[in-house]
C-alpha atoms as a PDB file:
ATOM      1  CA  MET A   1      11.070  61.249  41.187  1.00  0.00           C
ATOM      2  CA  GLY A   2       8.211  59.141  42.502  1.00  0.00           C
ATOM      3  CA  GLY A   3       5.516  60.187  44.850  1.00  0.00           C
ATOM      4  CA  PRO A   4       1.794  60.673  44.948  1.00  0.00           C
ATOM      5  CA  ALA A   5       0.250  63.479  42.935  1.00  0.00           C
ATOM      6  CA  GLU A   6      -1.716  66.301  44.438  1.00  0.00           C
ATOM      7  CA  ILE A   7      -4.751  67.003  42.288  1.00  0.00           C
ATOM      8  CA  ASP A   8      -7.240  69.689  43.247  1.00  0.00           C
ATOM      9  CA  GLY A   9      -5.744  69.717  46.741  1.00  0.00           C
ATOM     10  CA  GLU A  10      -6.140  65.964  47.251  1.00  0.00           C
ATOM     11  CA  CYS A  11      -3.343  63.385  47.492  1.00  0.00           C
ATOM     12  CA  HIS A  12      -3.658  60.585  44.917  1.00  0.00           C
ATOM     13  CA  GLN A  13      -1.436  57.576  45.680  1.00  0.00           C
ATOM     14  CA  GLU A  14      -2.587  55.882  42.468  1.00  0.00           C
ATOM     15  CA  CYS A  15      -0.541  58.446  40.514  1.00  0.00           C
ATOM     16  CA  ASN A  16       2.689  57.466  42.292  1.00  0.00           C
ATOM     17  CA  ASN A  17       5.062  55.811  39.808  1.00  0.00           C
ATOM     18  CA  PHE A  18       6.700  54.001  42.756  1.00  0.00           C
ATOM     19  CA  LEU A  19       3.393  52.417  43.846  1.00  0.00           C
ATOM     20  CA  ASN A  20       3.565  48.652  43.457  1.00  0.00           C
ATOM     21  CA  SER A  21       0.852  47.859  40.962  1.00  0.00           C
ATOM     22  CA  PRO A  22       2.058  45.057  38.676  1.00  0.00           C
ATOM     23  CA  PHE A  23       1.116  45.103  34.999  1.00  0.00           C
ATOM     24  CA  VAL A  24       2.120  43.221  31.846  1.00  0.00           C
ATOM     25  CA  VAL A  25       3.352  44.666  28.543  1.00  0.00           C
ATOM     26  CA  ASP A  26       4.272  42.290  25.704  1.00  0.00           C
ATOM     27  CA  GLY A  27       4.470  39.363  28.124  1.00  0.00           C
ATOM     28  CA  ILE A  28       6.818  41.099  30.603  1.00  0.00           C
ATOM     29  CA  THR A  29       5.552  41.838  34.115  1.00  0.00           C
ATOM     30  CA  TYR A  30       6.625  45.128  35.679  1.00  0.00           C
ATOM     31  CA  ALA A  31       6.209  45.809  39.404  1.00  0.00           C
ATOM     32  CA  ASN A  32       5.242  49.435  38.800  1.00  0.00           C
ATOM     33  CA  SER A  33       5.546  52.204  36.248  1.00  0.00           C
ATOM     34  CA  GLU A  34       9.005  53.195  37.532  1.00  0.00           C
ATOM     35  CA  HIS A  35      10.314  49.722  36.700  1.00  0.00           C
ATOM     36  CA  TYR A  36       8.820  50.001  33.202  1.00  0.00           C
ATOM     37  CA  PHE A  37      10.294  53.458  32.576  1.00  0.00           C
ATOM     38  CA  GLN A  38      13.782  52.484  33.763  1.00  0.00           C
ATOM     39  CA  TRP A  39      13.643  49.202  31.793  1.00  0.00           C
ATOM     40  CA  ALA A  40      12.573  50.975  28.603  1.00  0.00           C
ATOM     41  CA  LYS A  41      15.429  53.462  28.607  1.00  0.00           C
ATOM     42  CA  CYS A  42      18.186  50.817  28.970  1.00  0.00           C
ATOM     43  CA  VAL A  43      20.307  49.766  26.014  1.00  0.00           C
ATOM     44  CA  ARG A  44      21.751  46.491  27.310  1.00  0.00           C
ATOM     45  CA  GLU A  45      19.605  43.452  27.983  1.00  0.00           C
ATOM     46  CA  ALA A  46      21.640  42.617  31.102  1.00  0.00           C
ATOM     47  CA  ASP A  47      20.700  45.988  32.603  1.00  0.00           C
ATOM     48  CA  ARG A  48      17.050  45.410  31.765  1.00  0.00           C
ATOM     49  CA  GLU A  49      17.189  42.061  33.550  1.00  0.00           C
ATOM     50  CA  ARG A  50      18.735  43.704  36.623  1.00  0.00           C
ATOM     51  CA  ILE A  51      15.840  46.143  36.764  1.00  0.00           C
ATOM     52  CA  LEU A  52      13.242  43.390  36.451  1.00  0.00           C
ATOM     53  CA  LYS A  53      14.864  41.394  39.284  1.00  0.00           C
ATOM     54  CA  VAL A  54      14.680  44.105  41.938  1.00  0.00           C
ATOM     55  CA  THR A  55      11.431  44.544  43.825  1.00  0.00           C
ATOM     56  CA  ASP A  56      11.917  48.085  45.074  1.00  0.00           C
ATOM     57  CA  ALA A  57      11.132  50.998  42.746  1.00  0.00           C
ATOM     58  CA  MET A  58      13.934  53.080  44.251  1.00  0.00           C
ATOM     59  CA  GLU A  59      16.396  50.311  43.349  1.00  0.00           C
ATOM     60  CA  ALA A  60      15.056  50.259  39.791  1.00  0.00           C
ATOM     61  CA  TRP A  61      15.475  54.035  39.656  1.00  0.00           C
ATOM     62  CA  SER A  62      19.022  53.761  40.986  1.00  0.00           C
ATOM     63  CA  ILE A  63      19.984  51.132  38.401  1.00  0.00           C
ATOM     64  CA  GLY A  64      18.415  53.160  35.618  1.00  0.00           C
ATOM     65  CA  ASN A  65      20.543  56.133  36.608  1.00  0.00           C
ATOM     66  CA  SER A  66      23.799  54.176  36.558  1.00  0.00           C
ATOM     67  CA  VAL A  67      23.641  52.319  33.217  1.00  0.00           C
ATOM     68  CA  LEU A  68      24.046  53.099  29.517  1.00  0.00           C
ATOM     69  CA  LEU A  69      20.842  54.700  28.273  1.00  0.00           C
ATOM     70  CA  ARG A  70      19.204  55.160  24.892  1.00  0.00           C
END
């Protein structure tokens, strides 16, 4: 699950997949990498839309673990 990475004994928040850091792929904006990962593994478009609508990465994770996956 999400969380910062420890690299050479130092905590790196920028490696946290739950860190809000919006980015765009093919014209779709994702709040963070967790949103992108959960979106990408969904089969149904309705489930993908649900993931894009939530703002919290934990919610995106929760949705992604309760829907039909690829």
